[in-house]
N, C-alpha and C. Protein backbone atom coordinates (compact mmCIF):
# COMPACT_ATOMS: atom_id res chain seq x y z
N MET A 1 9.99 31.52 -6.62
CA MET A 1 10.31 30.61 -8.07
C MET A 1 9.71 29.43 -7.87
N ASN A 2 9.40 28.52 -8.49
CA ASN A 2 8.77 27.66 -8.89
C ASN A 2 10.16 26.62 -8.59
N PRO A 3 9.99 25.37 -7.72
CA PRO A 3 10.95 24.32 -6.97
C PRO A 3 11.75 23.81 -8.78
N TRP A 4 10.97 23.82 -9.64
CA TRP A 4 11.29 22.77 -10.34
C TRP A 4 12.44 23.42 -11.13
N GLU A 5 12.30 24.96 -11.08
CA GLU A 5 12.99 26.08 -11.65
C GLU A 5 14.39 25.94 -11.09
N GLU A 6 15.12 24.93 -10.18
CA GLU A 6 15.73 25.50 -9.24
C GLU A 6 16.78 23.98 -9.32
N ILE A 7 16.07 23.00 -9.83
CA ILE A 7 17.02 21.54 -10.23
C ILE A 7 17.26 21.24 -11.29
N SER A 8 18.40 21.16 -11.35
CA SER A 8 19.33 21.03 -13.04
C SER A 8 18.75 19.73 -13.55
N LEU A 9 19.35 20.07 -14.98
CA LEU A 9 18.30 18.85 -16.14
C LEU A 9 19.46 17.65 -15.56
N SER A 10 20.86 17.75 -15.53
CA SER A 10 21.72 17.04 -14.84
C SER A 10 21.03 16.00 -13.85
N ASP A 11 20.45 16.62 -12.57
CA ASP A 11 20.34 15.90 -11.61
C ASP A 11 19.16 15.03 -12.05
N TYR A 12 18.55 15.78 -12.59
CA TYR A 12 16.73 15.22 -13.02
C TYR A 12 16.99 14.30 -13.78
N GLU A 13 17.99 14.13 -14.77
CA GLU A 13 17.93 12.88 -15.98
C GLU A 13 18.89 11.77 -15.07
N LYS A 14 19.75 12.13 -14.20
CA LYS A 14 21.10 11.12 -13.80
C LYS A 14 19.93 10.15 -12.97
N HIS A 15 19.37 10.75 -11.70
CA HIS A 15 18.39 10.15 -10.85
C HIS A 15 17.18 9.23 -11.28
N MET A 16 16.55 9.90 -12.44
CA MET A 16 15.58 9.39 -13.30
C MET A 16 16.18 7.94 -13.92
N ALA A 17 17.28 7.94 -14.50
CA ALA A 17 17.94 6.94 -15.31
C ALA A 17 18.44 6.17 -14.36
N LEU A 18 18.96 6.38 -12.84
CA LEU A 18 18.97 5.07 -12.05
C LEU A 18 19.07 3.86 -12.48
N ASP A 19 19.89 2.43 -12.35
CA ASP A 19 19.10 1.54 -12.75
C ASP A 19 17.85 1.02 -11.60
N SER A 20 18.00 1.40 -10.35
CA SER A 20 17.19 1.73 -8.89
C SER A 20 15.97 2.01 -9.47
N VAL A 21 15.62 3.14 -10.44
CA VAL A 21 14.92 4.05 -10.68
C VAL A 21 14.19 3.61 -12.44
N ARG A 22 14.97 4.01 -13.23
CA ARG A 22 14.68 3.78 -14.28
C ARG A 22 13.08 4.13 -14.90
N GLN A 23 13.33 5.15 -14.31
CA GLN A 23 11.89 5.82 -14.80
C GLN A 23 12.00 6.51 -15.75
N LEU A 24 13.01 7.25 -16.46
CA LEU A 24 13.85 7.41 -17.64
C LEU A 24 13.56 6.83 -18.86
N GLN A 25 13.75 5.78 -18.41
CA GLN A 25 14.14 4.88 -19.79
C GLN A 25 12.51 4.14 -20.08
N THR A 26 11.96 3.85 -19.03
CA THR A 26 10.32 3.42 -18.87
C THR A 26 9.33 4.24 -19.79
N MET A 27 9.84 5.55 -19.33
CA MET A 27 8.46 6.78 -20.05
C MET A 27 9.00 6.73 -21.23
N ASN A 28 10.21 6.77 -21.72
CA ASN A 28 10.65 6.85 -23.08
C ASN A 28 9.83 6.16 -23.96
N GLU A 29 10.07 4.55 -23.32
CA GLU A 29 9.27 3.25 -23.82
C GLU A 29 7.82 3.51 -24.10
N MET A 30 7.28 4.51 -23.10
CA MET A 30 5.72 4.83 -22.77
C MET A 30 5.43 5.77 -23.88
N MET A 31 6.43 6.92 -23.88
CA MET A 31 6.09 7.79 -25.23
C MET A 31 6.02 7.69 -26.81
N LYS A 32 6.72 6.56 -26.92
CA LYS A 32 6.55 6.05 -28.01
C LYS A 32 5.19 5.35 -28.10
N VAL A 33 4.42 4.98 -27.66
CA VAL A 33 2.92 4.80 -27.86
C VAL A 33 1.92 5.49 -27.64
N GLN A 34 2.22 6.78 -26.84
CA GLN A 34 1.58 7.99 -26.65
C GLN A 34 1.59 8.64 -28.08
N PHE A 35 2.99 8.89 -28.83
CA PHE A 35 3.02 9.49 -29.93
C PHE A 35 2.69 8.81 -31.38
N GLU A 36 2.53 7.59 -31.13
CA GLU A 36 2.04 6.85 -32.26
C GLU A 36 0.64 6.66 -32.26
N GLY A 37 -0.10 6.68 -31.03
CA GLY A 37 -1.33 6.30 -30.37
C GLY A 37 -2.91 6.72 -31.01
N TYR A 38 -2.59 7.52 -31.39
CA TYR A 38 -4.05 8.54 -32.13
C TYR A 38 -3.81 9.07 -33.15
N PRO A 39 -4.86 9.57 -34.17
CA PRO A 39 -4.62 10.05 -35.72
C PRO A 39 -5.02 11.62 -35.14
N VAL A 40 -3.56 12.10 -34.77
CA VAL A 40 -3.18 13.24 -34.81
C VAL A 40 -2.07 14.08 -35.50
N THR A 41 -2.03 15.20 -35.81
CA THR A 41 -0.47 15.92 -36.86
C THR A 41 -0.16 17.17 -35.34
N THR A 42 -0.92 17.32 -34.62
CA THR A 42 -0.21 18.42 -33.69
C THR A 42 -0.03 17.70 -31.84
N ALA A 43 0.79 17.97 -31.24
CA ALA A 43 0.59 17.64 -29.71
C ALA A 43 1.36 18.41 -29.02
N MET A 44 0.77 18.08 -27.90
CA MET A 44 1.13 19.18 -26.75
C MET A 44 2.14 18.54 -25.46
N VAL A 45 3.66 18.50 -25.12
CA VAL A 45 4.30 17.82 -23.74
C VAL A 45 3.90 18.67 -23.05
N PHE A 46 2.94 18.57 -21.71
CA PHE A 46 3.33 19.99 -20.27
C PHE A 46 4.70 18.77 -19.61
N GLY A 47 5.12 19.65 -19.66
CA GLY A 47 6.84 19.16 -18.14
C GLY A 47 7.48 18.65 -19.54
N ILE A 48 8.05 19.24 -20.28
CA ILE A 48 9.21 18.46 -20.96
C ILE A 48 10.35 18.14 -21.06
N ALA A 49 10.67 18.80 -19.97
CA ALA A 49 11.79 18.36 -19.51
C ALA A 49 12.94 18.78 -20.68
N GLY A 50 13.84 17.65 -20.56
CA GLY A 50 14.88 17.69 -21.64
C GLY A 50 14.70 17.37 -23.07
N GLY A 51 13.54 16.82 -22.92
CA GLY A 51 12.74 16.41 -24.47
C GLY A 51 13.11 14.74 -24.47
N ASN A 52 13.56 13.98 -23.66
CA ASN A 52 13.03 12.48 -23.25
C ASN A 52 11.68 11.84 -23.95
N GLY A 53 12.08 11.18 -25.36
CA GLY A 53 11.29 10.33 -25.71
C GLY A 53 10.86 11.37 -26.98
N LEU A 54 11.10 12.65 -27.39
CA LEU A 54 10.91 13.01 -28.83
C LEU A 54 11.53 12.23 -29.99
N GLU A 55 12.46 11.41 -29.35
CA GLU A 55 13.00 10.74 -30.62
C GLU A 55 12.38 9.56 -31.51
N HIS A 56 10.63 9.48 -30.94
CA HIS A 56 9.82 8.90 -31.43
C HIS A 56 8.48 9.75 -32.42
N VAL A 57 9.21 10.78 -32.53
CA VAL A 57 7.77 12.07 -33.17
C VAL A 57 8.38 11.25 -34.98
N ASN A 58 7.58 11.11 -35.16
CA ASN A 58 7.07 10.97 -36.91
C ASN A 58 6.73 11.93 -37.81
N GLN A 59 8.28 12.03 -37.85
CA GLN A 59 8.15 13.93 -38.83
C GLN A 59 7.00 13.91 -40.21
N GLU A 60 6.49 12.70 -40.59
CA GLU A 60 5.68 12.62 -41.55
C GLU A 60 4.53 12.73 -41.34
N MET A 61 3.83 12.00 -39.78
CA MET A 61 3.35 12.48 -39.52
C MET A 61 2.58 13.91 -38.87
N TYR A 62 3.40 14.18 -37.59
CA TYR A 62 4.04 15.76 -37.01
C TYR A 62 3.60 16.54 -37.56
N LYS A 63 2.87 17.44 -37.86
CA LYS A 63 3.35 18.89 -38.20
C LYS A 63 3.60 20.21 -36.97
N LYS A 64 3.52 19.61 -35.71
CA LYS A 64 3.57 20.60 -35.06
C LYS A 64 3.75 19.78 -33.60
N ILE A 65 4.69 19.90 -32.46
CA ILE A 65 5.47 19.10 -31.53
C ILE A 65 5.21 20.78 -30.57
N TYR A 66 4.73 21.15 -29.49
CA TYR A 66 4.46 22.30 -28.68
C TYR A 66 5.20 21.23 -27.44
N GLY A 67 6.47 21.81 -26.63
CA GLY A 67 6.95 21.64 -25.52
C GLY A 67 6.96 22.48 -24.57
N ILE A 68 6.16 22.51 -23.61
CA ILE A 68 6.14 23.03 -22.32
C ILE A 68 6.59 22.79 -21.04
N ASP A 69 7.33 24.13 -20.22
CA ASP A 69 8.23 23.96 -19.24
C ASP A 69 7.92 24.96 -18.73
N ILE A 70 8.25 25.22 -17.45
CA ILE A 70 8.45 26.39 -16.82
C ILE A 70 10.48 26.63 -16.37
N ASN A 71 11.11 25.28 -16.59
CA ASN A 71 12.48 25.45 -16.64
C ASN A 71 13.22 25.87 -17.99
N GLU A 72 13.73 27.36 -18.23
CA GLU A 72 14.47 27.34 -19.06
C GLU A 72 15.60 26.96 -19.63
N GLU A 73 16.28 26.19 -18.48
CA GLU A 73 17.35 25.58 -18.88
C GLU A 73 16.67 24.19 -19.57
N TYR A 74 15.86 23.70 -19.81
CA TYR A 74 15.23 21.96 -19.78
C TYR A 74 14.72 22.74 -21.08
N LEU A 75 14.30 23.89 -21.70
CA LEU A 75 13.78 23.78 -22.80
C LEU A 75 15.04 23.94 -23.64
N ALA A 76 15.59 24.66 -23.46
CA ALA A 76 17.16 24.96 -24.13
C ALA A 76 17.47 23.96 -24.69
N ALA A 77 18.14 22.85 -23.65
CA ALA A 77 18.49 21.42 -23.66
C ALA A 77 17.44 20.59 -24.48
N ALA A 78 16.24 20.68 -24.95
CA ALA A 78 15.41 20.19 -25.52
C ALA A 78 15.95 20.47 -27.08
N LYS A 79 15.78 21.59 -27.48
CA LYS A 79 16.07 22.62 -28.45
C LYS A 79 17.20 21.91 -29.32
N GLU A 80 18.01 22.21 -27.71
CA GLU A 80 19.86 21.47 -28.67
C GLU A 80 19.79 19.89 -29.09
N ARG A 81 18.97 19.41 -28.31
CA ARG A 81 19.05 17.63 -28.55
C ARG A 81 18.42 17.29 -29.92
N PHE A 82 17.58 18.05 -29.98
CA PHE A 82 16.68 17.95 -31.36
C PHE A 82 16.14 19.06 -32.09
N SER A 83 17.59 19.34 -32.48
CA SER A 83 17.62 20.58 -33.12
C SER A 83 16.87 20.19 -34.88
N TYR A 84 16.75 18.54 -34.84
CA TYR A 84 16.16 18.02 -36.42
C TYR A 84 14.92 18.63 -36.22
N LEU A 85 14.30 18.83 -35.71
CA LEU A 85 12.72 18.57 -35.12
C LEU A 85 12.18 20.11 -35.45
N LYS A 86 13.56 21.06 -35.87
CA LYS A 86 13.38 22.50 -35.27
C LYS A 86 11.79 23.06 -36.19
N ASP A 87 11.52 22.50 -37.40
CA ASP A 87 10.50 22.88 -38.15
C ASP A 87 9.10 22.04 -37.01
N ILE A 88 9.46 21.48 -36.57
CA ILE A 88 7.82 20.84 -35.96
C ILE A 88 8.13 21.40 -34.46
N LEU A 89 9.22 21.66 -33.94
CA LEU A 89 9.12 21.41 -32.34
C LEU A 89 9.24 22.93 -31.90
N GLU A 90 8.23 23.22 -30.74
CA GLU A 90 8.34 24.65 -30.59
C GLU A 90 8.36 24.83 -28.43
N CYS A 91 9.17 25.13 -28.15
CA CYS A 91 9.23 25.00 -26.93
C CYS A 91 8.77 26.05 -26.38
N ARG A 92 8.17 26.56 -25.45
CA ARG A 92 7.64 27.53 -24.84
C ARG A 92 7.68 27.17 -23.27
N ARG A 93 8.03 28.65 -22.54
CA ARG A 93 7.81 28.83 -21.20
C ARG A 93 6.60 29.04 -20.83
N ILE A 94 6.21 28.27 -20.07
CA ILE A 94 4.61 28.26 -19.75
C ILE A 94 4.64 28.09 -18.26
N ASP A 95 3.85 28.62 -17.10
CA ASP A 95 3.64 28.33 -16.08
C ASP A 95 2.07 27.83 -15.74
N LEU A 96 1.99 26.76 -15.99
CA LEU A 96 0.29 26.39 -15.96
C LEU A 96 -0.54 26.88 -14.79
N THR A 97 -0.07 26.95 -14.04
CA THR A 97 -0.83 27.69 -12.78
C THR A 97 -1.04 28.99 -12.86
N CYS A 98 -0.51 29.34 -13.76
CA CYS A 98 -1.12 30.87 -13.89
C CYS A 98 -0.74 31.79 -15.54
N GLU A 99 -0.46 30.66 -16.36
CA GLU A 99 -0.29 32.04 -17.15
C GLU A 99 -0.97 30.76 -18.57
N LEU A 100 -2.35 30.07 -17.92
CA LEU A 100 -2.88 29.16 -19.66
C LEU A 100 -3.06 30.22 -20.54
N ASP A 101 -3.42 31.34 -20.63
CA ASP A 101 -3.33 32.34 -21.87
C ASP A 101 -2.51 32.21 -22.36
N LEU A 102 -1.20 31.52 -22.63
CA LEU A 102 0.33 31.50 -22.83
C LEU A 102 -0.16 30.02 -24.28
N LEU A 103 -0.78 29.08 -23.73
CA LEU A 103 -0.63 28.21 -24.32
C LEU A 103 -1.59 27.98 -25.71
N PRO A 104 -1.17 27.14 -26.63
CA PRO A 104 -1.40 26.88 -27.51
C PRO A 104 -2.60 25.71 -27.83
N GLU A 105 -3.24 25.69 -29.17
CA GLU A 105 -4.37 23.97 -29.14
C GLU A 105 -3.34 23.26 -29.78
N ALA A 106 -3.90 22.21 -29.55
CA ALA A 106 -3.07 20.69 -29.87
C ALA A 106 -3.75 19.52 -29.82
N GLU A 107 -4.38 18.26 -30.79
CA GLU A 107 -5.06 17.68 -31.26
C GLU A 107 -4.67 16.49 -29.69
N LEU A 108 -3.37 16.83 -29.35
CA LEU A 108 -3.25 15.29 -28.27
C LEU A 108 -2.66 16.11 -26.97
N VAL A 109 -2.71 16.06 -26.15
CA VAL A 109 -1.80 16.39 -24.99
C VAL A 109 -1.08 15.46 -23.94
N ILE A 110 -0.10 15.87 -23.85
CA ILE A 110 0.90 14.36 -22.88
C ILE A 110 1.24 15.18 -21.65
N ALA A 111 1.00 14.63 -20.64
CA ALA A 111 1.30 15.27 -19.25
C ALA A 111 1.78 13.48 -18.67
N ASN A 112 3.27 14.02 -18.61
CA ASN A 112 3.65 12.79 -17.69
C ASN A 112 4.49 13.34 -16.71
N LEU A 113 3.88 12.62 -15.54
CA LEU A 113 4.95 12.61 -14.09
C LEU A 113 4.59 14.16 -13.99
N PHE A 114 3.59 15.13 -14.55
CA PHE A 114 2.91 16.33 -14.38
C PHE A 114 2.19 17.04 -13.62
N ILE A 115 1.32 16.62 -13.68
CA ILE A 115 -0.35 16.72 -12.85
C ILE A 115 0.08 16.77 -11.23
N GLU A 116 1.04 15.97 -10.68
CA GLU A 116 1.62 15.64 -9.25
C GLU A 116 2.34 17.17 -8.75
N TYR A 117 2.33 18.23 -9.69
CA TYR A 117 2.95 19.20 -9.78
C TYR A 117 1.91 20.53 -9.88
N VAL A 118 1.43 20.36 -10.01
CA VAL A 118 0.16 21.40 -10.57
C VAL A 118 -1.24 21.31 -10.33
N GLY A 119 -1.75 19.92 -9.78
CA GLY A 119 -2.92 19.64 -9.67
C GLY A 119 -4.11 19.55 -10.49
N TYR A 120 -5.15 18.84 -10.15
CA TYR A 120 -6.41 18.57 -10.94
C TYR A 120 -7.02 19.74 -11.66
N GLU A 121 -7.20 20.93 -11.19
CA GLU A 121 -7.69 22.04 -11.26
C GLU A 121 -7.35 22.84 -12.19
N ALA A 122 -5.82 22.93 -12.27
CA ALA A 122 -4.90 23.66 -13.25
C ALA A 122 -4.54 22.67 -14.51
N LEU A 123 -4.72 20.93 -13.99
CA LEU A 123 -4.60 20.17 -15.40
C LEU A 123 -6.21 20.65 -15.98
N LYS A 124 -6.80 20.80 -15.67
CA LYS A 124 -8.49 20.68 -16.75
C LYS A 124 -8.26 22.09 -17.20
N LYS A 125 -8.09 23.07 -16.63
CA LYS A 125 -7.83 24.34 -17.48
C LYS A 125 -7.04 24.31 -18.69
N GLY A 126 -6.10 23.48 -18.67
CA GLY A 126 -4.63 23.42 -19.31
C GLY A 126 -5.19 22.81 -20.45
N ILE A 127 -5.78 21.74 -20.01
CA ILE A 127 -6.53 21.00 -21.55
C ILE A 127 -7.70 21.24 -22.20
N LEU A 128 -8.97 22.13 -21.31
CA LEU A 128 -9.87 23.54 -21.91
C LEU A 128 -9.27 23.94 -22.94
N LYS A 129 -7.99 24.95 -22.42
CA LYS A 129 -7.32 26.14 -23.72
C LYS A 129 -6.84 24.95 -24.18
N SER A 130 -6.17 24.06 -24.46
CA SER A 130 -5.69 23.92 -25.41
C SER A 130 -6.90 22.49 -26.25
N LYS A 131 -8.19 22.55 -25.93
CA LYS A 131 -9.12 21.74 -26.89
C LYS A 131 -8.62 20.73 -27.70
N ALA A 132 -7.54 20.06 -26.75
CA ALA A 132 -7.54 18.36 -27.65
C ALA A 132 -8.36 17.59 -27.74
N LYS A 133 -8.12 16.31 -28.71
CA LYS A 133 -9.09 15.52 -28.99
C LYS A 133 -9.00 14.11 -27.63
N TYR A 134 -7.16 14.08 -27.54
CA TYR A 134 -6.68 13.29 -26.87
C TYR A 134 -6.16 13.53 -25.81
N ILE A 135 -6.35 12.91 -24.72
CA ILE A 135 -5.05 13.27 -23.93
C ILE A 135 -4.07 11.79 -22.90
N SER A 136 -3.38 11.92 -22.89
CA SER A 136 -2.26 10.61 -22.19
C SER A 136 -1.74 11.35 -21.41
N CYS A 137 -1.77 10.43 -20.15
CA CYS A 137 -0.98 11.08 -18.64
C CYS A 137 -0.24 9.81 -18.13
N ILE A 138 0.96 10.33 -17.53
CA ILE A 138 1.85 9.09 -16.86
C ILE A 138 1.68 9.94 -15.35
N ILE A 139 1.10 8.86 -14.66
CA ILE A 139 1.28 8.57 -12.92
C ILE A 139 1.89 8.08 -12.26
N GLN A 140 2.42 8.21 -11.18
CA GLN A 140 3.36 7.32 -10.54
C GLN A 140 2.56 6.51 -9.31
N ILE A 141 2.77 5.44 -9.38
CA ILE A 141 1.65 4.61 -8.41
C ILE A 141 2.78 4.44 -7.00
N ASN A 142 2.76 4.54 -6.15
CA ASN A 142 3.92 4.42 -4.51
C ASN A 142 3.50 3.68 -4.10
N THR A 143 4.45 2.53 -3.21
CA THR A 143 4.29 1.53 -2.45
C THR A 143 4.40 1.87 -1.29
N ASP A 144 4.80 3.27 -1.12
CA ASP A 144 5.33 3.82 0.18
C ASP A 144 4.92 5.39 0.22
N GLU A 145 3.95 5.97 0.71
CA GLU A 145 3.21 7.31 0.54
C GLU A 145 4.74 8.51 0.67
N GLU A 146 5.07 8.10 2.33
CA GLU A 146 6.02 8.68 2.41
C GLU A 146 7.57 8.87 1.47
N ALA A 147 7.61 8.43 0.42
CA ALA A 147 8.93 8.25 -0.46
C ALA A 147 8.49 8.25 -1.80
N TRP A 148 7.55 9.12 -2.04
CA TRP A 148 7.37 9.20 -3.12
C TRP A 148 8.42 9.54 -4.35
N VAL A 149 9.69 10.19 -3.86
CA VAL A 149 10.68 10.23 -4.63
C VAL A 149 11.55 9.20 -3.88
N SER A 150 11.94 8.42 -5.08
CA SER A 150 12.75 7.48 -5.08
C SER A 150 14.38 7.47 -4.29
N ASP A 151 14.73 6.47 -3.69
CA ASP A 151 16.13 7.15 -3.05
C ASP A 151 17.57 6.81 -3.83
N SER A 152 18.27 7.83 -3.63
CA SER A 152 19.64 7.98 -4.54
C SER A 152 20.42 9.11 -4.45
N PRO A 153 21.11 9.05 -5.25
CA PRO A 153 22.59 10.18 -4.17
C PRO A 153 22.16 11.31 -4.98
N TYR A 154 21.20 11.66 -5.57
CA TYR A 154 20.69 12.82 -5.97
C TYR A 154 19.61 13.28 -5.26
N ILE A 155 19.35 13.01 -4.25
CA ILE A 155 17.94 12.97 -3.88
C ILE A 155 17.05 14.37 -3.44
N HIS A 156 18.15 15.03 -2.82
CA HIS A 156 17.94 15.96 -1.83
C HIS A 156 18.03 17.04 -3.22
N ALA A 157 18.34 16.82 -4.46
CA ALA A 157 18.03 17.52 -5.09
C ALA A 157 16.33 18.66 -5.57
N PHE A 158 15.66 17.20 -4.88
CA PHE A 158 14.44 16.98 -4.80
C PHE A 158 13.24 17.87 -3.45
N ASP A 159 14.31 18.34 -2.34
CA ASP A 159 13.95 18.52 -1.54
C ASP A 159 12.61 19.44 -1.72
N GLY A 160 12.76 20.52 -2.70
CA GLY A 160 11.98 21.72 -3.04
C GLY A 160 10.75 21.27 -3.67
N LEU A 161 10.05 19.98 -3.82
CA LEU A 161 9.49 19.68 -4.58
C LEU A 161 8.13 19.22 -3.66
N ASP A 162 8.40 18.81 -2.09
CA ASP A 162 7.18 18.92 -1.28
C ASP A 162 6.29 19.80 -0.69
N ALA A 163 6.63 21.42 -1.24
CA ALA A 163 6.02 22.16 -1.21
C ALA A 163 4.27 22.27 -2.29
N VAL A 164 5.18 21.83 -3.63
CA VAL A 164 4.01 21.54 -5.04
C VAL A 164 3.78 20.23 -5.55
N HIS A 165 4.19 19.02 -4.56
CA HIS A 165 3.88 17.87 -5.17
C HIS A 165 2.14 17.20 -4.70
N HIS A 166 1.44 16.86 -5.30
CA HIS A 166 0.06 16.49 -5.21
C HIS A 166 -0.24 15.28 -5.58
N GLN A 167 -0.26 14.10 -4.61
CA GLN A 167 -0.49 12.30 -5.01
C GLN A 167 -1.78 12.38 -5.99
N ILE A 168 -1.24 11.67 -6.74
CA ILE A 168 -2.35 11.44 -7.43
C ILE A 168 -3.01 9.95 -8.31
N ASP A 169 -4.23 9.75 -8.40
CA ASP A 169 -4.96 9.18 -7.82
C ASP A 169 -5.71 8.50 -9.23
N GLU A 170 -5.66 6.97 -9.90
CA GLU A 170 -6.63 6.84 -11.10
C GLU A 170 -7.85 7.42 -10.92
N LYS A 171 -8.61 6.94 -9.98
CA LYS A 171 -9.75 7.40 -9.79
C LYS A 171 -10.08 9.17 -9.78
N ASP A 172 -9.26 9.56 -9.19
CA ASP A 172 -9.74 10.90 -9.04
C ASP A 172 -9.35 11.54 -10.66
N LEU A 173 -8.58 11.19 -10.91
CA LEU A 173 -7.54 11.46 -12.29
C LEU A 173 -9.02 11.48 -13.70
N THR A 174 -9.35 9.90 -13.45
CA THR A 174 -10.74 9.98 -14.62
C THR A 174 -12.05 10.80 -13.86
N LYS A 175 -12.29 11.26 -12.92
CA LYS A 175 -13.57 11.72 -12.96
C LYS A 175 -13.26 13.36 -12.80
N ALA A 176 -11.66 13.90 -12.85
CA ALA A 176 -11.31 15.12 -13.31
C ALA A 176 -11.55 15.58 -14.96
N MET A 177 -11.56 14.50 -15.36
CA MET A 177 -11.28 14.61 -16.78
C MET A 177 -12.58 14.19 -17.27
N LYS A 178 -13.52 13.37 -16.60
CA LYS A 178 -15.27 13.47 -16.77
C LYS A 178 -15.99 14.65 -16.83
N ASP A 179 -14.97 15.24 -15.72
CA ASP A 179 -15.89 16.52 -15.24
C ASP A 179 -15.96 17.57 -16.50
N ILE A 180 -14.70 17.39 -17.88
CA ILE A 180 -14.35 18.44 -18.40
C ILE A 180 -15.22 18.03 -19.77
N GLY A 181 -15.49 16.52 -19.64
CA GLY A 181 -16.16 15.72 -20.79
C GLY A 181 -15.44 14.80 -21.70
N TYR A 182 -13.90 14.50 -20.63
CA TYR A 182 -13.55 13.39 -21.91
C TYR A 182 -13.50 12.25 -21.09
N SER A 183 -13.89 10.93 -21.94
CA SER A 183 -13.72 9.40 -21.32
C SER A 183 -12.86 8.78 -21.42
N HIS A 184 -12.45 7.50 -20.37
CA HIS A 184 -11.53 7.16 -20.36
C HIS A 184 -11.61 6.27 -21.08
N LEU A 185 -10.47 5.93 -21.64
CA LEU A 185 -9.93 5.09 -22.84
C LEU A 185 -9.30 4.30 -22.96
N LYS A 186 -8.06 3.81 -22.21
CA LYS A 186 -7.31 2.81 -21.68
C LYS A 186 -6.25 3.63 -20.38
N THR A 187 -6.00 1.74 -19.93
CA THR A 187 -4.88 2.14 -18.59
C THR A 187 -3.81 0.92 -19.00
N ASP A 188 -3.00 1.98 -19.25
CA ASP A 188 -1.37 0.74 -19.12
C ASP A 188 -0.67 0.76 -18.35
N GLU A 189 0.05 -0.51 -17.58
CA GLU A 189 1.06 -0.12 -16.13
C GLU A 189 2.17 -0.72 -16.99
N TYR A 190 2.66 -0.06 -16.09
CA TYR A 190 4.30 -0.66 -16.67
C TYR A 190 5.12 -0.53 -14.98
N LEU A 191 6.26 -1.00 -14.82
CA LEU A 191 6.55 -1.69 -13.21
C LEU A 191 7.82 -1.13 -13.63
N LEU A 192 8.22 -1.18 -12.05
CA LEU A 192 9.73 0.23 -12.25
C LEU A 192 10.46 -1.41 -11.06
N PRO A 193 11.81 -0.81 -10.87
CA PRO A 193 12.33 -2.14 -10.26
C PRO A 193 11.92 -1.53 -8.92
N ASN A 194 11.94 -0.50 -8.63
CA ASN A 194 11.56 0.08 -6.69
C ASN A 194 10.48 -0.21 -6.28
N GLY A 195 9.48 -1.31 -7.00
CA GLY A 195 8.37 -1.34 -6.04
C GLY A 195 6.81 -0.71 -7.10
N LYS A 196 7.27 0.35 -7.35
CA LYS A 196 6.72 1.20 -8.09
C LYS A 196 6.03 0.94 -9.25
N LYS A 197 5.30 2.01 -9.78
CA LYS A 197 4.59 1.90 -11.24
C LYS A 197 4.38 2.71 -11.97
N LEU A 198 4.45 2.76 -13.00
CA LEU A 198 3.40 3.95 -13.87
C LEU A 198 2.65 3.49 -14.74
N LEU A 199 1.45 4.66 -14.22
CA LEU A 199 0.06 3.77 -15.07
C LEU A 199 0.13 5.26 -16.41
N MET A 200 -0.35 4.49 -17.58
CA MET A 200 -0.20 5.54 -18.94
C MET A 200 -2.22 5.38 -18.86
N ILE A 201 -2.81 6.67 -18.67
CA ILE A 201 -3.98 6.87 -18.62
C ILE A 201 -4.18 8.01 -19.86
N ASP A 202 -5.35 7.21 -20.52
CA ASP A 202 -5.40 7.85 -21.91
C ASP A 202 -7.15 8.39 -21.80
N PHE A 203 -7.59 9.39 -21.90
CA PHE A 203 -8.70 10.12 -22.02
C PHE A 203 -9.03 10.51 -23.76
N GLY A 204 -10.15 10.29 -24.30
CA GLY A 204 -10.61 10.99 -25.47
C GLY A 204 -11.96 11.72 -25.27
N ARG A 205 -12.29 12.61 -26.45
CA ARG A 205 -14.08 13.30 -26.40
C ARG A 205 -14.21 13.42 -27.85
C-alpha cells in the first residue's frame, strides 16, 4: 500500500494549515493563479487531496477538471465539498507510478507538492499521456534537508513518506520537462513562515 493511502485527510490538512506551516493557505492562493493563468478549458490536478483550491475554478471558463489521487478518502471529500462542480469535476483514483493508461487528457496539468512522491520519470510519463499544453508545478524548497516535513503535532502521521519521498530541484525539474518538449515559462516564489518556500514553476509547449 502507498503510504499516502494511510494518512487521514484530517491529519494532512490540520498539519498543512498550522500557522507555523501555512502550506494549505499558501497553495490555495497559488492555485488561483494556476487556474486563471492560461487560455484552457480542461485541467487535471495530480494529487488533488481534499480539493484545496477548487473554489477558484471559473465555471464559465472550465468544461472539465480531473482530480487525480491515490487516496479514495481524499477524492470522496473533494467531490462532497465541491458538489456544485459536479458537471465539471471528475475525480479518479489513479496511481501515477503504475496506472498511466487510466489518465485522461487535459490542456493544463497542475502538480502541487506531488512530484516529490512519484519522481521525475512518472511525472514525465503522466504529462505525455495527458497531452497537456501547459504544466504548473509547486515544489517545496527546504532550508534543512533532514526536516522536509515541518514539525507539528501531526508529524508522525507522515512517517511512512520517507520511503517514497524524492527531493525535487528546480534545475532538475526544468531539465526533465525539456526532455519531453516543454519550455520554462516562469517561476514564482512564495515564502513560508518556517523558513521554507514554495516555488511555482510553469512550462509550456
